[in-house]
Structures are given as structure tokens and as C-alpha cells.
């Protein structure tokens, strides 16, 4: 599960057991009860009144999450699972035998989900902070961005929740993955936590140049979203 979902995990996926999932960079820990396991077919996880059912058949993986609230919470949970399933697909197809390492970049900005999504996908908006290209389309589509300094990011859109978040593969970087999303910022109306997470699989570490490139791009994005158009 650390290959596509949590950053750290412990416990056992067996009926009656507990599964502990952790995202240290976010300060989030989650304890889930394992209600049911049908080998190669079905897993049911629970926390309180919520249930997550993962089912596998000849057509792929389906996920059902019940007991979720309404409004932004429901949309955020739906988008989060779409991101996770996109990473699961990428992990299974490209890095099935490799461990994943994640780098998180997070800062608050005065924005909303719709505005942030424009800057995640629109070609002119992307050019203000990340790179020049034709924009980012539906899940499964190909893309290419010129990041400057001789760097290119091309690959596949792994997940795209319209108006919310998306995940991208990066072919030139050992088929790594970059996720762009926003999260609620409690007690601060009109502010979202703007997140860029960078996942790499395998033993070879990321280059300092590419880490620096992503950190600088994320900083520019925050400035642009906060209204500093001179960025």
C-alpha cells in the first residue's frame, strides 16, 4: 500500500486485523479495521461508520467509499481516491517491484479549487509557474511541458478530477509521478493548502536539480495564486 497510497503502513490486511496508514509530512495517521478479505477479489476496510471496499475483476479495480460527508468533503474524498487509483495503476504497470519515496511541497494560498485547477491545467496559466505546453487533458492522455533549463516533463495524465486535482507521470525522471492538488486550510476562509507531491520508485534518488526545479515552480505557483502576477 505504500507503493500507491500511504507514505508509511503497518499491520496486516487480514480479516479482524488493524491497518495503520501514515503520512508524516501531513501529520496524518489513520487506523482502519479490516472487515473482510477475499483473496484476489475483495478487501473491506472500516473506520467508524465509513467503509472502503476495493474489488478486483477482469476489468480492473473498483472502489466504493460510504459514510462520507457532503459538499467539499465528498468532492475532496472522491478526488483523493481518483489520485490514489491513478498512482496504483502507474505503480502496478511500471514499478510493481519497487518501493516508493515521496517528497511533499505544501504552502497556503488565497485561492479556491476552481482557480487552482486552472493553474494546474490551462496552458497559459501553467506557463506562469511550471512550463510551456498544450495544457493537461483527461486521464490517459499524453502531455509535454518545456520546463526551461533544458528540462522536459512528458508522460501520461494518470488522474484528473475536473475542477480539482490531477496526477502526472514524468517519463524523463525514471517514470516518477507528480500530483497537484489543494486541501482545506482549517479556520481560514478563502485559503487552500496548495500541494505538490513528488513520488519516485526504486533505489536511485532524485537529482538535486529536479528537486530544486519543483521547489522553485511550487513557490512561483503560490505567488501567482496569491496575486503577485510579477512572478
C-alpha atoms as a PDB file:
ATOM      1  CA  UNK A   1       0.000   0.000   0.000  1.00  0.00           C
ATOM      2  CA  UNK A   2       2.972   2.337   0.420  1.00  0.00           C
ATOM      3  CA  UNK A   3       3.609   1.946  -3.319  1.00  0.00           C
ATOM      4  CA  UNK A   4       0.494   3.981  -4.140  1.00  0.00           C
ATOM      5  CA  UNK A   5      -1.494   5.109  -1.092  1.00  0.00           C
ATOM      6  CA  UNK A   6       0.047   5.912   2.285  1.00  0.00           C
ATOM      7  CA  UNK A   7       3.633   7.038   2.815  1.00  0.00           C
ATOM      8  CA  UNK A   8       4.028   4.505   5.632  1.00  0.00           C
ATOM      9  CA  UNK A   9       1.938   1.476   6.611  1.00  0.00           C
ATOM     10  CA  UNK A  10       1.985  -1.245   9.250  1.00  0.00           C
ATOM     11  CA  UNK A  11      -0.303  -4.045  10.347  1.00  0.00           C
ATOM     12  CA  UNK A  12      -1.846  -6.784   8.262  1.00  0.00           C
ATOM     13  CA  UNK A  13      -4.544  -6.890   5.578  1.00  0.00           C
ATOM     14  CA  UNK A  14      -6.352  -9.863   7.113  1.00  0.00           C
ATOM     15  CA  UNK A  15      -9.904 -10.073   8.408  1.00  0.00           C
ATOM     16  CA  UNK A  16     -10.051  -8.942  12.033  1.00  0.00           C
ATOM     17  CA  UNK A  17      -6.708  -7.132  11.896  1.00  0.00           C
ATOM     18  CA  UNK A  18      -5.882  -3.435  12.069  1.00  0.00           C
ATOM     19  CA  UNK A  19      -4.093  -1.488   9.354  1.00  0.00           C
ATOM     20  CA  UNK A  20      -2.169   1.680  10.247  1.00  0.00           C
ATOM     21  CA  UNK A  21      -1.604   4.242   7.475  1.00  0.00           C
ATOM     22  CA  UNK A  22       0.584   7.316   7.973  1.00  0.00           C
ATOM     23  CA  UNK A  23       1.501  10.485   6.068  1.00  0.00           C
ATOM     24  CA  UNK A  24       4.182  12.056   8.323  1.00  0.00           C
ATOM     25  CA  UNK A  25       4.631  15.177   6.195  1.00  0.00           C
ATOM     26  CA  UNK A  26       0.912  15.922   6.578  1.00  0.00           C
ATOM     27  CA  UNK A  27       0.776  14.956  10.242  1.00  0.00           C
ATOM     28  CA  UNK A  28      -1.949  12.404   9.428  1.00  0.00           C
ATOM     29  CA  UNK A  29      -2.362   8.907  10.866  1.00  0.00           C
ATOM     30  CA  UNK A  30      -5.275   6.590  10.143  1.00  0.00           C
ATOM     31  CA  UNK A  31      -6.239   3.323  11.848  1.00  0.00           C
ATOM     32  CA  UNK A  32      -8.502   1.058   9.786  1.00  0.00           C
ATOM     33  CA  UNK A  33     -10.196  -2.168  10.736  1.00  0.00           C
ATOM     34  CA  UNK A  34     -10.034  -4.938   8.142  1.00  0.00           C
ATOM     35  CA  UNK A  35     -13.565  -6.343   7.948  1.00  0.00           C
ATOM     36  CA  UNK A  36     -13.257  -8.719   5.019  1.00  0.00           C
ATOM     37  CA  UNK A  37     -10.622 -10.170   2.700  1.00  0.00           C
ATOM     38  CA  UNK A  38     -11.422 -12.373  -0.289  1.00  0.00           C
ATOM     39  CA  UNK A  39      -8.042 -13.227  -1.855  1.00  0.00           C
ATOM     40  CA  UNK A  40      -7.555 -11.698  -5.296  1.00  0.00           C
ATOM     41  CA  UNK A  41     -11.127 -10.327  -5.263  1.00  0.00           C
ATOM     42  CA  UNK A  42     -12.213  -8.050  -2.409  1.00  0.00           C
ATOM     43  CA  UNK A  43     -11.000  -6.082   0.631  1.00  0.00           C
ATOM     44  CA  UNK A  44     -13.276  -4.153   3.022  1.00  0.00           C
ATOM     45  CA  UNK A  45     -11.776  -1.547   5.396  1.00  0.00           C
ATOM     46  CA  UNK A  46     -13.632   0.463   8.034  1.00  0.00           C
ATOM     47  CA  UNK A  47     -13.254   3.392  10.399  1.00  0.00           C
ATOM     48  CA  UNK A  48     -16.320   4.180  12.470  1.00  0.00           C
ATOM     49  CA  UNK A  49     -19.333   4.359  10.160  1.00  0.00           C
ATOM     50  CA  UNK A  50     -17.249   4.685   7.000  1.00  0.00           C
ATOM     51  CA  UNK A  51     -16.464   1.759   4.713  1.00  0.00           C
ATOM     52  CA  UNK A  52     -13.988   1.412   1.854  1.00  0.00           C
ATOM     53  CA  UNK A  53     -14.496  -1.546  -0.470  1.00  0.00           C
ATOM     54  CA  UNK A  54     -11.823  -2.440  -3.016  1.00  0.00           C
ATOM     55  CA  UNK A  55     -12.866  -5.017  -5.595  1.00  0.00           C
ATOM     56  CA  UNK A  56     -10.878  -6.613  -8.403  1.00  0.00           C
ATOM     57  CA  UNK A  57     -12.290  -8.280 -11.513  1.00  0.00           C
ATOM     58  CA  UNK A  58     -11.258  -8.848 -15.113  1.00  0.00           C
ATOM     59  CA  UNK A  59     -11.959  -5.190 -15.930  1.00  0.00           C
ATOM     60  CA  UNK A  60      -9.748  -3.683 -13.208  1.00  0.00           C
ATOM     61  CA  UNK A  61     -10.143  -2.220  -9.722  1.00  0.00           C
ATOM     62  CA  UNK A  62     -13.300  -0.569  -8.385  1.00  0.00           C
ATOM     63  CA  UNK A  63     -13.553   1.365  -5.131  1.00  0.00           C
ATOM     64  CA  UNK A  64     -16.614   2.297  -3.081  1.00  0.00           C
ATOM     65  CA  UNK A  65     -16.380   4.650  -0.089  1.00  0.00           C
ATOM     66  CA  UNK A  66     -19.539   5.078   2.026  1.00  0.00           C
ATOM     67  CA  UNK A  67     -20.202   7.224   5.077  1.00  0.00           C
ATOM     68  CA  UNK A  68     -18.596  10.375   3.633  1.00  0.00           C
ATOM     69  CA  UNK A  69     -19.996  13.856   4.299  1.00  0.00           C
ATOM     70  CA  UNK A  70     -21.367  16.297   1.736  1.00  0.00           C
ATOM     71  CA  UNK A  71     -20.037  19.241  -0.247  1.00  0.00           C
ATOM     72  CA  UNK A  72     -16.306  19.927  -0.278  1.00  0.00           C
ATOM     73  CA  UNK A  73     -15.586  16.877   1.889  1.00  0.00           C
ATOM     74  CA  UNK A  74     -17.277  14.491  -0.537  1.00  0.00           C
ATOM     75  CA  UNK A  75     -15.626  16.092  -3.584  1.00  0.00           C
ATOM     76  CA  UNK A  76     -12.240  16.055  -1.865  1.00  0.00           C
ATOM     77  CA  UNK A  77     -12.529  12.384  -0.903  1.00  0.00           C
ATOM     78  CA  UNK A  78     -13.604  11.462  -4.429  1.00  0.00           C
ATOM     79  CA  UNK A  79     -10.678  13.356  -5.931  1.00  0.00           C
ATOM     80  CA  UNK A  80      -8.237  11.822  -3.432  1.00  0.00           C
ATOM     81  CA  UNK A  81      -9.291   8.312  -4.373  1.00  0.00           C
ATOM     82  CA  UNK A  82      -9.014   9.112  -8.069  1.00  0.00           C
ATOM     83  CA  UNK A  83      -5.449  10.284  -7.451  1.00  0.00           C
ATOM     84  CA  UNK A  84      -4.650   7.163  -5.449  1.00  0.00           C
ATOM     85  CA  UNK A  85      -6.091   4.818  -8.068  1.00  0.00           C
ATOM     86  CA  UNK A  86      -4.102   6.613 -10.759  1.00  0.00           C
ATOM     87  CA  UNK A  87      -0.926   6.031  -8.723  1.00  0.00           C
ATOM     88  CA  UNK A  88      -1.944   2.407  -8.158  1.00  0.00           C
ATOM     89  CA  UNK A  89      -2.240   1.882 -11.911  1.00  0.00           C
ATOM     90  CA  UNK A  90       1.145   3.529 -12.501  1.00  0.00           C
ATOM     91  CA  UNK A  91       2.771   1.539  -9.702  1.00  0.00           C
ATOM     92  CA  UNK A  92       1.447  -1.805 -10.981  1.00  0.00           C
ATOM     93  CA  UNK A  93       2.266  -1.115 -14.628  1.00  0.00           C
ATOM     94  CA  UNK A  94       5.683   0.493 -14.180  1.00  0.00           C
ATOM     95  CA  UNK A  95       7.150  -0.022 -10.688  1.00  0.00           C
ATOM     96  CA  UNK A  96       5.498  -3.134  -9.257  1.00  0.00           C
ATOM     97  CA  UNK A  97       8.671  -4.431  -7.579  1.00  0.00           C
ATOM     98  CA  UNK A  98       9.949  -1.085  -6.275  1.00  0.00           C
ATOM     99  CA  UNK A  99       9.472   0.898  -3.091  1.00  0.00           C
ATOM    100  CA  UNK A 100       8.172   4.459  -3.316  1.00  0.00           C
ATOM    101  CA  UNK A 101       9.642   7.625  -1.799  1.00  0.00           C
ATOM    102  CA  UNK A 102       7.539  10.786  -1.569  1.00  0.00           C
ATOM    103  CA  UNK A 103       8.515  14.435  -1.290  1.00  0.00           C
ATOM    104  CA  UNK A 104       5.778  16.878  -0.222  1.00  0.00           C
ATOM    105  CA  UNK A 105       5.695  20.597  -1.031  1.00  0.00           C
ATOM    106  CA  UNK A 106       2.863  22.485   0.735  1.00  0.00           C
ATOM    107  CA  UNK A 107       2.047  26.141   1.288  1.00  0.00           C
ATOM    108  CA  UNK A 108      -1.207  28.070   1.843  1.00  0.00           C
ATOM    109  CA  UNK A 109      -2.517  30.427  -0.829  1.00  0.00           C
ATOM    110  CA  UNK A 110      -5.573  32.629  -1.207  1.00  0.00           C
ATOM    111  CA  UNK A 111      -7.374  30.582  -3.828  1.00  0.00           C
ATOM    112  CA  UNK A 112     -10.182  28.105  -4.368  1.00  0.00           C
ATOM    113  CA  UNK A 113     -10.370  24.712  -6.062  1.00  0.00           C
ATOM    114  CA  UNK A 114     -11.580  26.071  -9.409  1.00  0.00           C
ATOM    115  CA  UNK A 115      -8.877  28.732  -9.696  1.00  0.00           C
ATOM    116  CA  UNK A 116      -6.129  26.348  -8.638  1.00  0.00           C
ATOM    117  CA  UNK A 117      -7.366  23.820 -11.212  1.00  0.00           C
ATOM    118  CA  UNK A 118      -6.973  26.422 -13.966  1.00  0.00           C
ATOM    119  CA  UNK A 119      -3.330  26.861 -12.971  1.00  0.00           C
ATOM    120  CA  UNK A 120      -2.882  23.087 -12.878  1.00  0.00           C
ATOM    121  CA  UNK A 121      -4.218  22.535 -16.419  1.00  0.00           C
ATOM    122  CA  UNK A 122      -4.528  25.627 -18.652  1.00  0.00           C
ATOM    123  CA  UNK A 123      -1.514  26.132 -20.967  1.00  0.00           C
ATOM    124  CA  UNK A 124      -1.215  29.884 -20.403  1.00  0.00           C
ATOM    125  CA  UNK A 125      -1.611  29.518 -16.635  1.00  0.00           C
ATOM    126  CA  UNK A 126       0.885  26.610 -16.490  1.00  0.00           C
ATOM    127  CA  UNK A 127       3.428  28.770 -18.332  1.00  0.00           C
ATOM    128  CA  UNK A 128       3.408  31.274 -15.441  1.00  0.00           C
ATOM    129  CA  UNK A 129       4.865  28.783 -12.974  1.00  0.00           C
ATOM    130  CA  UNK A 130       5.709  25.315 -14.342  1.00  0.00           C
ATOM    131  CA  UNK A 131       6.306  25.076 -18.088  1.00  0.00           C
ATOM    132  CA  UNK A 132       5.081  25.700 -21.617  1.00  0.00           C
ATOM    133  CA  UNK A 133       2.958  23.181 -23.477  1.00  0.00           C
ATOM    134  CA  UNK A 134      -0.541  22.446 -24.689  1.00  0.00           C
ATOM    135  CA  UNK A 135      -2.117  22.042 -21.264  1.00  0.00           C
ATOM    136  CA  UNK A 136      -3.216  18.936 -19.430  1.00  0.00           C
ATOM    137  CA  UNK A 137      -6.212  16.892 -20.535  1.00  0.00           C
ATOM    138  CA  UNK A 138      -8.256  13.914 -19.411  1.00  0.00           C
ATOM    139  CA  UNK A 139      -6.897  10.881 -17.576  1.00  0.00           C
ATOM    140  CA  UNK A 140      -4.995   8.675 -20.003  1.00  0.00           C
ATOM    141  CA  UNK A 141      -3.985  11.495 -22.350  1.00  0.00           C
ATOM    142  CA  UNK A 142      -0.374  12.340 -23.152  1.00  0.00           C
ATOM    143  CA  UNK A 143       1.265  15.688 -22.391  1.00  0.00           C
ATOM    144  CA  UNK A 144       4.576  17.512 -22.788  1.00  0.00           C
ATOM    145  CA  UNK A 145       5.883  20.585 -20.959  1.00  0.00           C
ATOM    146  CA  UNK A 146       9.087  22.535 -21.534  1.00  0.00           C
ATOM    147  CA  UNK A 147      10.291  23.344 -18.025  1.00  0.00           C
ATOM    148  CA  UNK A 148      13.219  25.503 -19.142  1.00  0.00           C
ATOM    149  CA  UNK A 149      16.918  25.000 -18.337  1.00  0.00           C
ATOM    150  CA  UNK A 150      16.944  22.096 -20.787  1.00  0.00           C
ATOM    151  CA  UNK A 151      14.383  20.078 -18.800  1.00  0.00           C
ATOM    152  CA  UNK A 152      11.247  18.458 -20.233  1.00  0.00           C
ATOM    153  CA  UNK A 153       8.334  16.832 -18.426  1.00  0.00           C
ATOM    154  CA  UNK A 154       6.327  14.469 -20.601  1.00  0.00           C
ATOM    155  CA  UNK A 155       4.205  11.456 -19.859  1.00  0.00           C
ATOM    156  CA  UNK A 156       0.628  10.489 -19.172  1.00  0.00           C
ATOM    157  CA  UNK A 157      -2.141  12.103 -17.144  1.00  0.00           C
ATOM    158  CA  UNK A 158      -2.675   9.401 -14.505  1.00  0.00           C
ATOM    159  CA  UNK A 159      -5.717  11.006 -12.883  1.00  0.00           C
ATOM    160  CA  UNK A 160      -7.757  14.153 -13.493  1.00  0.00           C
ATOM    161  CA  UNK A 161     -10.687  15.146 -11.286  1.00  0.00           C
ATOM    162  CA  UNK A 162     -12.314  18.077 -13.162  1.00  0.00           C
ATOM    163  CA  UNK A 163     -12.191  21.273 -11.136  1.00  0.00           C
ATOM    164  CA  UNK A 164      -9.968  19.642  -8.524  1.00  0.00           C
ATOM    165  CA  UNK A 165      -6.713  17.716  -8.744  1.00  0.00           C
ATOM    166  CA  UNK A 166      -4.524  15.672 -11.063  1.00  0.00           C
ATOM    167  CA  UNK A 167      -1.582  13.262 -11.174  1.00  0.00           C
ATOM    168  CA  UNK A 168       1.065  13.055 -13.904  1.00  0.00           C
ATOM    169  CA  UNK A 169       3.799  10.603 -14.828  1.00  0.00           C
ATOM    170  CA  UNK A 170       7.228  12.036 -15.680  1.00  0.00           C
ATOM    171  CA  UNK A 171       8.938   9.843 -18.263  1.00  0.00           C
ATOM    172  CA  UNK A 172      12.265  11.709 -18.269  1.00  0.00           C
ATOM    173  CA  UNK A 173      12.560  11.262 -14.485  1.00  0.00           C
ATOM    174  CA  UNK A 174      12.505   7.450 -14.307  1.00  0.00           C
ATOM    175  CA  UNK A 175       8.706   7.371 -14.684  1.00  0.00           C
ATOM    176  CA  UNK A 176       8.190   9.302 -11.459  1.00  0.00           C
ATOM    177  CA  UNK A 177       4.844  10.923 -10.613  1.00  0.00           C
ATOM    178  CA  UNK A 178       3.812  14.478  -9.730  1.00  0.00           C
ATOM    179  CA  UNK A 179       0.478  15.190  -8.016  1.00  0.00           C
ATOM    180  CA  UNK A 180      -1.087  18.668  -7.950  1.00  0.00           C
ATOM    181  CA  UNK A 181      -3.904  19.253  -5.501  1.00  0.00           C
ATOM    182  CA  UNK A 182      -5.408  21.550  -2.894  1.00  0.00           C
ATOM    183  CA  UNK A 183      -6.563  20.729   0.628  1.00  0.00           C
ATOM    184  CA  UNK A 184      -8.724  22.700   3.074  1.00  0.00           C
ATOM    185  CA  UNK A 185      -6.952  25.112   5.403  1.00  0.00           C
ATOM    186  CA  UNK A 186      -8.958  24.916   8.663  1.00  0.00           C
ATOM    187  CA  UNK A 187     -10.267  28.178  10.131  1.00  0.00           C
ATOM    188  CA  UNK A 188      -9.039  30.262   7.169  1.00  0.00           C
ATOM    189  CA  UNK A 189     -11.878  31.004   4.703  1.00  0.00           C
ATOM    190  CA  UNK A 190     -10.679  31.654   1.182  1.00  0.00           C
ATOM    191  CA  UNK A 191      -7.371  29.884   1.770  1.00  0.00           C
ATOM    192  CA  UNK A 192      -6.356  26.457   0.482  1.00  0.00           C
ATOM    193  CA  UNK A 193      -3.236  24.415   1.121  1.00  0.00           C
ATOM    194  CA  UNK A 194      -1.627  24.034  -2.317  1.00  0.00           C
ATOM    195  CA  UNK A 195       0.198  20.716  -2.559  1.00  0.00           C
ATOM    196  CA  UNK A 196       2.750  19.294  -4.970  1.00  0.00           C
ATOM    197  CA  UNK A 197       3.779  15.736  -4.129  1.00  0.00           C
ATOM    198  CA  UNK A 198       6.618  14.037  -5.982  1.00  0.00           C
ATOM    199  CA  UNK A 199       6.834  10.232  -5.972  1.00  0.00           C
ATOM    200  CA  UNK A 200       9.805   8.176  -7.120  1.00  0.00           C
ATOM    201  CA  UNK A 201      10.125   4.411  -7.103  1.00  0.00           C
ATOM    202  CA  UNK A 202      13.330   2.382  -6.826  1.00  0.00           C
ATOM    203  CA  UNK A 203      16.725   2.928  -5.240  1.00  0.00           C
ATOM    204  CA  UNK A 204      18.057   5.823  -7.312  1.00  0.00           C
ATOM    205  CA  UNK A 205      17.422   9.162  -5.541  1.00  0.00           C
ATOM    206  CA  UNK A 206      16.056  12.247  -7.240  1.00  0.00           C
ATOM    207  CA  UNK A 207      18.605  14.701  -8.586  1.00  0.00           C
ATOM    208  CA  UNK A 208      19.064  17.912  -6.642  1.00  0.00           C
ATOM    209  CA  UNK A 209      18.472  19.871  -9.856  1.00  0.00           C
ATOM    210  CA  UNK A 210      14.998  18.395 -10.360  1.00  0.00           C
ATOM    211  CA  UNK A 211      14.096  18.792  -6.707  1.00  0.00           C
ATOM    212  CA  UNK A 212      15.160  22.421  -6.921  1.00  0.00           C
ATOM    213  CA  UNK A 213      13.175  22.878 -10.125  1.00  0.00           C
ATOM    214  CA  UNK A 214       9.970  21.590  -8.488  1.00  0.00           C
ATOM    215  CA  UNK A 215      10.515  23.645  -5.334  1.00  0.00           C
ATOM    216  CA  UNK A 216      11.032  26.831  -7.363  1.00  0.00           C
ATOM    217  CA  UNK A 217       7.976  26.087  -9.502  1.00  0.00           C
ATOM    218  CA  UNK A 218       5.796  25.478  -6.440  1.00  0.00           C
ATOM    219  CA  UNK A 219       6.992  28.761  -4.917  1.00  0.00           C
ATOM    220  CA  UNK A 220       6.059  30.601  -8.137  1.00  0.00           C
ATOM    221  CA  UNK A 221       2.624  28.957  -8.121  1.00  0.00           C
ATOM    222  CA  UNK A 222       1.917  30.183  -4.589  1.00  0.00           C
ATOM    223  CA  UNK A 223       2.968  33.715  -5.513  1.00  0.00           C
ATOM    224  CA  UNK A 224       0.775  33.720  -8.621  1.00  0.00           C
ATOM    225  CA  UNK A 225      -2.255  32.362  -6.761  1.00  0.00           C
ATOM    226  CA  UNK A 226      -1.748  34.984  -4.060  1.00  0.00           C
ATOM    227  CA  UNK A 227      -1.932  37.672  -6.750  1.00  0.00           C
ATOM    228  CA  UNK A 228       1.722  38.508  -7.274  1.00  0.00           C
ATOM    229  CA  UNK A 229       1.461  38.490 -11.041  1.00  0.00           C
ATOM    230  CA  UNK A 230       5.025  39.718 -11.423  1.00  0.00           C
ATOM    231  CA  UNK A 231       6.116  36.137 -10.706  1.00  0.00           C
END
